[in-house]
Amino acid sequence: MLKASLVAACAVAAVALPAQTFDPPKMLKAGESPVGHHWAKRDRLYPSPALYDVDGDGVKDLVVGDLFGNLTWCKGGKDGWGADQALNGADGKPLKFNNW
């Protein structure tokens, strides 16, 4: 009985939801250089940006990860973001997370 009620409630909620639409993808740029395309080579799959204060200066920086596990960042400033660069760990090596 509870299962049938739950299914009915979900069906009503699904009917009441408006159709979702999304804008086409936008290329992020720092000046004229693309951001999130691994130093403008366009060899990244599904770059995903997030804002985070990487360097602790109180200004959010742009961090971009991708499906291959690469991480880069662009320093934030009052006029936008700086150039795309590797996000390094404490050992100085670029951080990489294997997603496969």
C-alpha atoms as a PDB file:
ATOM      1  CA  MET A   1       0.000   0.000   0.000  1.00  0.00           C
ATOM      2  CA  LEU A   2       2.798   2.412   0.921  1.00  0.00           C
ATOM      3  CA  LYS A   3       4.693   1.497  -2.251  1.00  0.00           C
ATOM      4  CA  ALA A   4       1.637   2.227  -4.428  1.00  0.00           C
ATOM      5  CA  SER A   5       1.121   5.582  -2.685  1.00  0.00           C
ATOM      6  CA  LEU A   6       4.761   6.508  -3.190  1.00  0.00           C
ATOM      7  CA  VAL A   7       4.621   5.601  -6.892  1.00  0.00           C
ATOM      8  CA  ALA A   8       1.422   7.644  -7.326  1.00  0.00           C
ATOM      9  CA  ALA A   9       2.963  10.661  -5.549  1.00  0.00           C
ATOM     10  CA  CYS A  10       6.062  10.503  -7.746  1.00  0.00           C
ATOM     11  CA  ALA A  11       3.937  10.255 -10.889  1.00  0.00           C
ATOM     12  CA  VAL A  12       1.918  13.341  -9.902  1.00  0.00           C
ATOM     13  CA  ALA A  13       5.102  15.266  -9.070  1.00  0.00           C
ATOM     14  CA  ALA A  14       6.679  14.302 -12.402  1.00  0.00           C
ATOM     15  CA  VAL A  15       3.645  15.519 -14.339  1.00  0.00           C
ATOM     16  CA  ALA A  16       3.676  18.842 -12.459  1.00  0.00           C
ATOM     17  CA  LEU A  17       7.345  19.625 -13.212  1.00  0.00           C
ATOM     18  CA  PRO A  18       8.022  22.038 -16.061  1.00  0.00           C
ATOM     19  CA  ALA A  19      10.253  20.921 -18.926  1.00  0.00           C
ATOM     20  CA  GLN A  20      13.918  21.662 -18.252  1.00  0.00           C
ATOM     21  CA  THR A  21      16.028  23.514 -20.778  1.00  0.00           C
ATOM     22  CA  PHE A  22      19.698  24.379 -20.701  1.00  0.00           C
ATOM     23  CA  ASP A  23      21.732  27.015 -22.472  1.00  0.00           C
ATOM     24  CA  PRO A  24      24.346  25.725 -24.898  1.00  0.00           C
ATOM     25  CA  PRO A  25      27.851  25.262 -23.435  1.00  0.00           C
ATOM     26  CA  LYS A  26      29.968  28.392 -23.086  1.00  0.00           C
ATOM     27  CA  MET A  27      33.740  28.542 -23.432  1.00  0.00           C
ATOM     28  CA  LEU A  28      35.384  30.123 -20.392  1.00  0.00           C
ATOM     29  CA  LYS A  29      38.271  32.434 -21.221  1.00  0.00           C
ATOM     30  CA  ALA A  30      41.006  34.238 -19.331  1.00  0.00           C
ATOM     31  CA  GLY A  31      41.662  37.158 -21.654  1.00  0.00           C
ATOM     32  CA  GLU A  32      41.648  35.518 -25.079  1.00  0.00           C
ATOM     33  CA  SER A  33      42.890  32.096 -23.907  1.00  0.00           C
ATOM     34  CA  PRO A  34      40.416  29.258 -23.318  1.00  0.00           C
ATOM     35  CA  VAL A  35      40.240  28.007 -19.721  1.00  0.00           C
ATOM     36  CA  GLY A  36      39.835  24.343 -18.929  1.00  0.00           C
ATOM     37  CA  HIS A  37      41.264  23.034 -22.173  1.00  0.00           C
ATOM     38  CA  HIS A  38      44.603  21.993 -20.690  1.00  0.00           C
ATOM     39  CA  TRP A  39      46.690  24.953 -21.716  1.00  0.00           C
ATOM     40  CA  ALA A  40      44.560  25.731 -24.773  1.00  0.00           C
ATOM     41  CA  LYS A  41      45.225  22.359 -26.449  1.00  0.00           C
ATOM     42  CA  ARG A  42      41.553  21.352 -26.195  1.00  0.00           C
ATOM     43  CA  ASP A  43      42.464  17.873 -24.975  1.00  0.00           C
ATOM     44  CA  ARG A  44      40.140  17.706 -21.974  1.00  0.00           C
ATOM     45  CA  LEU A  45      36.905  15.791 -21.706  1.00  0.00           C
ATOM     46  CA  TYR A  46      34.018  17.411 -19.823  1.00  0.00           C
ATOM     47  CA  PRO A  47      35.915  20.236 -18.087  1.00  0.00           C
ATOM     48  CA  SER A  48      34.039  21.093 -14.880  1.00  0.00           C
ATOM     49  CA  PRO A  49      34.713  24.454 -13.219  1.00  0.00           C
ATOM     50  CA  ALA A  50      34.325  25.339  -9.542  1.00  0.00           C
ATOM     51  CA  LEU A  51      35.210  28.451  -7.526  1.00  0.00           C
ATOM     52  CA  TYR A  52      37.609  28.070  -4.585  1.00  0.00           C
ATOM     53  CA  ASP A  53      40.230  30.276  -2.937  1.00  0.00           C
ATOM     54  CA  VAL A  54      43.284  28.158  -3.840  1.00  0.00           C
ATOM     55  CA  ASP A  55      45.984  30.581  -2.702  1.00  0.00           C
ATOM     56  CA  GLY A  56      44.257  31.896   0.454  1.00  0.00           C
ATOM     57  CA  ASP A  57      44.191  35.553  -0.632  1.00  0.00           C
ATOM     58  CA  GLY A  58      40.440  35.954   0.004  1.00  0.00           C
ATOM     59  CA  VAL A  59      39.555  35.985  -3.714  1.00  0.00           C
ATOM     60  CA  LYS A  60      37.956  32.930  -5.311  1.00  0.00           C
ATOM     61  CA  ASP A  61      39.974  31.261  -8.032  1.00  0.00           C
ATOM     62  CA  LEU A  62      38.629  29.138 -10.876  1.00  0.00           C
ATOM     63  CA  VAL A  63      39.461  25.425 -10.482  1.00  0.00           C
ATOM     64  CA  VAL A  64      38.797  23.123 -13.450  1.00  0.00           C
ATOM     65  CA  GLY A  65      38.763  19.341 -13.279  1.00  0.00           C
ATOM     66  CA  ASP A  66      38.034  16.943 -16.118  1.00  0.00           C
ATOM     67  CA  LEU A  67      37.021  13.367 -16.758  1.00  0.00           C
ATOM     68  CA  PHE A  68      40.684  12.345 -17.157  1.00  0.00           C
ATOM     69  CA  GLY A  69      41.456  13.533 -13.600  1.00  0.00           C
ATOM     70  CA  ASN A  70      43.450  16.658 -14.544  1.00  0.00           C
ATOM     71  CA  LEU A  71      43.158  19.722 -12.286  1.00  0.00           C
ATOM     72  CA  THR A  72      44.090  23.255 -13.290  1.00  0.00           C
ATOM     73  CA  TRP A  73      43.341  26.638 -11.806  1.00  0.00           C
ATOM     74  CA  CYS A  74      43.198  30.294 -12.769  1.00  0.00           C
ATOM     75  CA  LYS A  75      44.012  32.948 -10.182  1.00  0.00           C
ATOM     76  CA  GLY A  76      41.028  35.186  -9.505  1.00  0.00           C
ATOM     77  CA  GLY A  77      41.295  38.959  -9.494  1.00  0.00           C
ATOM     78  CA  LYS A  78      39.184  42.089  -9.811  1.00  0.00           C
ATOM     79  CA  ASP A  79      39.428  41.925 -13.620  1.00  0.00           C
ATOM     80  CA  GLY A  80      38.698  38.186 -14.031  1.00  0.00           C
ATOM     81  CA  TRP A  81      40.994  35.178 -14.016  1.00  0.00           C
ATOM     82  CA  GLY A  82      44.632  34.672 -14.843  1.00  0.00           C
ATOM     83  CA  ALA A  83      46.075  32.021 -17.148  1.00  0.00           C
ATOM     84  CA  ASP A  84      45.246  28.328 -16.749  1.00  0.00           C
ATOM     85  CA  GLN A  85      47.987  26.507 -14.786  1.00  0.00           C
ATOM     86  CA  ALA A  86      48.464  23.109 -13.171  1.00  0.00           C
ATOM     87  CA  LEU A  87      47.117  22.706  -9.629  1.00  0.00           C
ATOM     88  CA  ASN A  88      50.064  21.253  -7.707  1.00  0.00           C
ATOM     89  CA  GLY A  89      50.112  19.281  -4.476  1.00  0.00           C
ATOM     90  CA  ALA A  90      52.389  19.886  -1.481  1.00  0.00           C
ATOM     91  CA  ASP A  91      55.126  17.911  -3.266  1.00  0.00           C
ATOM     92  CA  GLY A  92      55.080  20.360  -6.205  1.00  0.00           C
ATOM     93  CA  LYS A  93      53.716  17.773  -8.651  1.00  0.00           C
ATOM     94  CA  PRO A  94      50.467  18.384 -10.551  1.00  0.00           C
ATOM     95  CA  LEU A  95      47.449  16.872  -8.837  1.00  0.00           C
ATOM     96  CA  LYS A  96      45.696  14.210 -10.873  1.00  0.00           C
ATOM     97  CA  PHE A  97      42.826  11.959  -9.923  1.00  0.00           C
ATOM     98  CA  ASN A  98      42.357   8.828 -11.988  1.00  0.00           C
ATOM     99  CA  ASN A  99      38.647   8.566 -12.777  1.00  0.00           C
ATOM    100  CA  TRP A 100      38.957   5.291 -14.618  1.00  0.00           C
END
